[in-house]
């Protein structure tokens, strides 16, 4: 059984549980399950915010994964309290996002969720859980195929994301010899796991296809799109939002939006 304690996720200002080890699993969610990233430039901007705000050893970043509507981080405290560190990151990114998309208001839902990680074995389990997030979501077939996680940064130090990672702790848990540690890391990260950590609550699938169709038509109107409109970046974002709201399988989504399932799979993977 995983030994972790959930942090306060309510809007009240109750003090978060303090990690004795200094390690935390942080999850940031899009407000109303909406996307916090609309394109790769947005993800890159969040990466830049992470890089900037971790300077002067404010915190250490051991694993991460950026999904369209939520973010997973495995961090340990440095010179700054974890709450202050996350606030610095989110304030910077929300300013960018709101300015780019000419919007106002909250981007992330409530306060961020957190759980403390106290055992070495759970650090490894959590890193694997984070790296396998896009695999479990059906976006890619293996962790190495997903660009916006820390997985490849461990194996390829020339990777553009590698410079921001603090890899020594996780690798040392496998072996003190770097080459052996890397081989064990790769094997372990690709093994299936049954551990559960903080994540988005699974959306209830809309079983009634008529209800799903009605929702999709409503979303088309809200986004100013037409059902037969040629596929554009706007329609791709709409389909991703529709999937996030309904949790319908690709096959059903393809029928409702009028595209073949391979095309829908490509959109959701992109």
Protein backbone atom coordinates (compact mmCIF):
# COMPACT_ATOMS: atom_id res chain seq x y z
CA UNK A 1 0.00 0.00 0.00
CA UNK A 2 1.27 3.46 -0.89
CA UNK A 3 2.29 5.44 2.15
CA UNK A 4 1.31 9.01 1.45
CA UNK A 5 -0.89 11.67 2.97
CA UNK A 6 -3.17 13.88 0.96
CA UNK A 7 -2.72 17.61 1.33
CA UNK A 8 -5.55 20.06 1.82
CA UNK A 9 -7.40 20.64 -1.44
CA UNK A 10 -10.18 22.85 -0.13
CA UNK A 11 -10.50 26.59 -0.66
CA UNK A 12 -9.95 27.21 3.02
CA UNK A 13 -6.52 28.31 4.14
CA UNK A 14 -5.92 25.27 6.30
CA UNK A 15 -2.20 24.62 6.52
CA UNK A 16 -0.91 21.91 4.22
CA UNK A 17 0.64 18.79 5.65
CA UNK A 18 4.40 19.25 5.83
CA UNK A 19 6.57 16.53 4.33
CA UNK A 20 9.25 15.20 6.66
CA UNK A 21 11.32 14.10 3.67
CA UNK A 22 10.71 17.31 1.74
CA UNK A 23 9.21 15.44 -1.25
CA UNK A 24 5.82 16.31 -2.71
CA UNK A 25 3.54 15.23 -5.51
CA UNK A 26 1.90 18.36 -6.90
CA UNK A 27 -1.07 18.34 -9.27
CA UNK A 28 -2.44 21.45 -10.97
CA UNK A 29 -5.84 21.17 -12.69
CA UNK A 30 -7.51 23.35 -15.29
CA UNK A 31 -10.50 25.26 -13.96
CA UNK A 32 -13.74 23.45 -14.92
CA UNK A 33 -11.59 20.71 -16.48
CA UNK A 34 -10.59 23.12 -19.27
CA UNK A 35 -7.21 23.04 -20.96
CA UNK A 36 -4.31 24.90 -19.42
CA UNK A 37 -2.29 24.28 -22.59
CA UNK A 38 -3.67 24.89 -26.08
CA UNK A 39 -0.48 24.27 -28.03
CA UNK A 40 3.18 23.36 -27.70
CA UNK A 41 4.16 27.00 -27.20
CA UNK A 42 2.04 27.05 -24.05
CA UNK A 43 3.75 23.94 -22.71
CA UNK A 44 7.15 25.42 -23.50
CA UNK A 45 6.20 28.59 -21.64
CA UNK A 46 5.31 26.56 -18.55
CA UNK A 47 8.67 24.80 -18.83
CA UNK A 48 10.36 28.19 -18.89
CA UNK A 49 8.43 29.22 -15.78
CA UNK A 50 9.63 26.07 -14.01
CA UNK A 51 13.23 26.76 -15.01
CA UNK A 52 13.08 30.37 -13.91
CA UNK A 53 11.38 29.81 -10.56
CA UNK A 54 13.64 26.96 -9.47
CA UNK A 55 16.75 29.12 -9.67
CA UNK A 56 18.83 29.56 -6.51
CA UNK A 57 17.73 26.08 -5.39
CA UNK A 58 14.23 27.25 -4.41
CA UNK A 59 13.05 23.72 -5.15
CA UNK A 60 14.27 20.59 -6.93
CA UNK A 61 12.40 19.02 -9.83
CA UNK A 62 12.62 15.21 -10.11
CA UNK A 63 9.78 14.34 -12.49
CA UNK A 64 6.97 16.07 -14.35
CA UNK A 65 4.31 15.57 -16.99
CA UNK A 66 2.31 18.26 -18.76
CA UNK A 67 -1.09 17.10 -19.97
CA UNK A 68 -3.55 19.37 -21.77
CA UNK A 69 -5.73 20.06 -18.74
CA UNK A 70 -3.52 19.13 -15.79
CA UNK A 71 0.08 18.92 -14.60
CA UNK A 72 1.99 16.47 -12.40
CA UNK A 73 5.18 17.46 -10.58
CA UNK A 74 7.48 15.50 -8.26
CA UNK A 75 9.48 18.10 -6.40
CA UNK A 76 11.43 18.47 -3.18
CA UNK A 77 11.79 21.64 -1.18
CA UNK A 78 14.90 23.75 -1.39
CA UNK A 79 15.24 27.20 0.09
CA UNK A 80 11.57 28.07 -0.38
CA UNK A 81 8.32 26.67 0.98
CA UNK A 82 6.54 24.51 -1.59
CA UNK A 83 3.40 26.67 -1.53
CA UNK A 84 5.38 29.81 -2.36
CA UNK A 85 7.28 27.99 -5.10
CA UNK A 86 4.12 26.75 -6.84
CA UNK A 87 2.50 30.16 -6.51
CA UNK A 88 5.47 31.78 -8.27
CA UNK A 89 5.19 29.29 -11.13
CA UNK A 90 1.43 29.58 -11.61
CA UNK A 91 1.30 33.39 -11.33
CA UNK A 92 3.95 33.67 -14.04
CA UNK A 93 2.24 31.21 -16.35
CA UNK A 94 -1.32 32.53 -15.85
CA UNK A 95 -0.11 36.05 -16.69
CA UNK A 96 1.32 34.73 -19.98
CA UNK A 97 -1.78 32.61 -20.77
CA UNK A 98 -4.32 35.35 -20.08
CA UNK A 99 -2.36 37.89 -22.09
CA UNK A 100 -1.95 35.53 -25.05
CA UNK A 101 -5.61 34.52 -25.20
CA UNK A 102 -7.01 37.91 -24.10
CA UNK A 103 -8.82 36.45 -21.13
CA UNK A 104 -9.20 37.20 -17.43
CA UNK A 105 -9.89 35.10 -14.37
CA UNK A 106 -8.71 31.82 -12.92
CA UNK A 107 -6.92 29.28 -15.08
CA UNK A 108 -6.20 26.62 -12.46
CA UNK A 109 -8.88 25.03 -10.30
CA UNK A 110 -8.89 26.02 -6.62
CA UNK A 111 -5.64 25.55 -4.74
CA UNK A 112 -3.23 23.00 -6.11
CA UNK A 113 -3.50 19.45 -4.83
CA UNK A 114 -0.56 17.92 -3.02
CA UNK A 115 0.51 14.79 -1.21
CA UNK A 116 3.67 14.14 0.77
CA UNK A 117 6.00 11.33 -0.25
CA UNK A 118 8.00 9.89 2.64
CA UNK A 119 9.59 6.64 1.45
CA UNK A 120 12.26 6.09 -1.22
CA UNK A 121 10.21 3.34 -2.84
CA UNK A 122 7.29 5.74 -3.22
CA UNK A 123 9.50 8.31 -4.92
CA UNK A 124 10.20 5.75 -7.62
CA UNK A 125 6.57 4.63 -7.83
CA UNK A 126 5.43 8.22 -8.22
CA UNK A 127 8.00 9.01 -10.92
CA UNK A 128 6.77 5.98 -12.86
CA UNK A 129 3.15 6.98 -12.32
CA UNK A 130 3.86 10.47 -13.66
CA UNK A 131 5.76 9.22 -16.69
CA UNK A 132 3.03 6.71 -17.55
CA UNK A 133 0.24 9.30 -17.37
CA UNK A 134 0.05 9.88 -21.14
CA UNK A 135 0.28 6.12 -21.75
CA UNK A 136 -2.69 5.43 -19.50
CA UNK A 137 -4.57 8.26 -21.20
CA UNK A 138 -4.07 6.56 -24.56
CA UNK A 139 -2.10 9.47 -26.00
CA UNK A 140 1.05 7.42 -26.66
CA UNK A 141 1.99 3.75 -26.51
CA UNK A 142 5.11 4.21 -24.39
CA UNK A 143 6.49 6.90 -22.10
CA UNK A 144 9.43 7.65 -24.39
CA UNK A 145 7.02 8.81 -27.12
CA UNK A 146 5.64 11.68 -25.06
CA UNK A 147 7.55 14.91 -25.49
CA UNK A 148 6.24 16.82 -22.49
CA UNK A 149 7.43 14.72 -19.58
CA UNK A 150 10.73 14.23 -17.79
CA UNK A 151 11.11 10.59 -18.90
CA UNK A 152 13.57 11.18 -21.76
CA UNK A 153 15.49 13.83 -19.82
CA UNK A 154 16.96 11.08 -17.67
CA UNK A 155 18.16 8.97 -20.59
CA UNK A 156 19.33 11.77 -22.87
CA UNK A 157 21.11 14.60 -21.10
CA UNK A 158 21.15 16.45 -24.41
CA UNK A 159 17.36 16.59 -24.27
CA UNK A 160 16.13 20.19 -24.14
CA UNK A 161 14.21 19.45 -20.92
CA UNK A 162 17.08 17.66 -19.18
CA UNK A 163 18.86 20.76 -17.88
CA UNK A 164 16.02 21.61 -15.53
CA UNK A 165 15.87 18.14 -13.95
CA UNK A 166 17.51 17.02 -10.73
CA UNK A 167 18.11 13.38 -11.65
CA UNK A 168 20.67 12.24 -9.08
CA UNK A 169 18.22 11.29 -6.33
CA UNK A 170 16.10 8.94 -8.43
CA UNK A 171 19.06 7.39 -10.25
CA UNK A 172 20.92 6.81 -6.98
CA UNK A 173 17.98 4.73 -5.75
CA UNK A 174 18.75 2.27 -8.55
CA UNK A 175 22.54 2.22 -8.38
CA UNK A 176 25.53 4.42 -7.59
CA UNK A 177 26.94 3.54 -11.03
CA UNK A 178 25.33 5.81 -13.62
CA UNK A 179 25.16 3.34 -16.52
CA UNK A 180 23.62 0.62 -14.37
CA UNK A 181 21.20 3.13 -12.85
CA UNK A 182 20.04 4.31 -16.28
CA UNK A 183 19.34 0.76 -17.46
CA UNK A 184 17.39 -0.03 -14.31
CA UNK A 185 15.56 3.30 -14.58
CA UNK A 186 14.44 2.58 -18.14
CA UNK A 187 13.26 -0.92 -17.25
CA UNK A 188 11.41 0.20 -14.11
CA UNK A 189 9.69 3.19 -15.72
CA UNK A 190 8.19 0.96 -18.40
CA UNK A 191 6.84 -1.70 -16.04
CA UNK A 192 3.11 -1.62 -15.39
CA UNK A 193 2.14 -0.39 -11.96
CA UNK A 194 -0.97 -0.54 -9.82
CA UNK A 195 -0.07 2.32 -7.52
CA UNK A 196 -2.47 5.23 -7.30
CA UNK A 197 -1.63 8.84 -6.56
CA UNK A 198 -3.42 12.13 -6.93
CA UNK A 199 -5.02 12.51 -10.33
CA UNK A 200 -8.02 13.97 -12.04
CA UNK A 201 -11.26 12.36 -10.98
CA UNK A 202 -12.40 10.15 -13.77
CA UNK A 203 -15.17 11.81 -15.71
CA UNK A 204 -18.35 9.80 -15.86
CA UNK A 205 -18.86 8.57 -19.38
CA UNK A 206 -21.99 9.86 -21.07
CA UNK A 207 -23.66 6.59 -22.02
CA UNK A 208 -26.57 8.12 -23.90
CA UNK A 209 -25.19 9.05 -27.30
CA UNK A 210 -28.01 11.55 -27.87
CA UNK A 211 -26.94 13.46 -24.75
CA UNK A 212 -23.35 13.46 -25.97
CA UNK A 213 -24.41 14.74 -29.39
CA UNK A 214 -26.43 17.51 -27.76
CA UNK A 215 -23.42 18.52 -25.67
CA UNK A 216 -21.17 18.59 -28.74
CA UNK A 217 -23.64 20.76 -30.67
CA UNK A 218 -23.79 23.15 -27.72
CA UNK A 219 -19.98 23.33 -27.63
CA UNK A 220 -19.88 24.05 -31.38
CA UNK A 221 -22.18 27.02 -30.86
CA UNK A 222 -20.19 28.26 -27.86
CA UNK A 223 -16.98 28.15 -29.93
CA UNK A 224 -18.61 29.68 -33.02
CA UNK A 225 -17.96 26.62 -35.16
CA UNK A 226 -20.02 24.57 -37.59
CA UNK A 227 -20.30 20.79 -37.61
CA UNK A 228 -19.09 20.53 -41.21
CA UNK A 229 -16.32 23.10 -40.82
CA UNK A 230 -12.98 22.07 -42.28
CA UNK A 231 -10.64 20.65 -39.65
CA UNK A 232 -8.63 23.44 -38.04
CA UNK A 233 -6.69 24.00 -34.85
CA UNK A 234 -9.89 25.38 -33.29
CA UNK A 235 -11.85 22.20 -34.04
CA UNK A 236 -8.99 20.08 -32.71
CA UNK A 237 -9.07 21.99 -29.42
CA UNK A 238 -12.84 21.53 -29.30
CA UNK A 239 -12.52 17.77 -29.73
CA UNK A 240 -9.94 17.61 -26.94
CA UNK A 241 -12.25 19.59 -24.66
CA UNK A 242 -15.16 17.31 -25.59
CA UNK A 243 -13.08 14.25 -24.66
CA UNK A 244 -12.09 15.84 -21.33
CA UNK A 245 -15.73 16.58 -20.46
CA UNK A 246 -17.21 13.24 -21.49
CA UNK A 247 -14.42 10.66 -21.19
CA UNK A 248 -15.99 8.91 -24.17
CA UNK A 249 -13.88 6.34 -26.05
CA UNK A 250 -12.32 7.44 -29.33
CA UNK A 251 -14.74 5.28 -31.33
CA UNK A 252 -17.81 7.10 -30.00
CA UNK A 253 -16.20 10.52 -30.31
CA UNK A 254 -15.39 9.81 -33.96
CA UNK A 255 -19.04 8.99 -34.69
CA UNK A 256 -20.33 12.12 -32.95
CA UNK A 257 -17.86 14.59 -34.50
CA UNK A 258 -17.98 13.00 -37.95
CA UNK A 259 -14.32 12.00 -38.30
CA UNK A 260 -12.69 8.59 -38.61
CA UNK A 261 -11.26 7.19 -35.40
CA UNK A 262 -7.65 7.36 -36.64
CA UNK A 263 -8.02 11.08 -37.19
CA UNK A 264 -9.55 11.56 -33.75
CA UNK A 265 -6.75 9.51 -32.18
CA UNK A 266 -4.17 11.70 -33.94
CA UNK A 267 -5.89 14.87 -32.67
CA UNK A 268 -6.01 13.63 -29.08
CA UNK A 269 -2.39 12.50 -29.28
CA UNK A 270 -1.17 15.81 -30.68
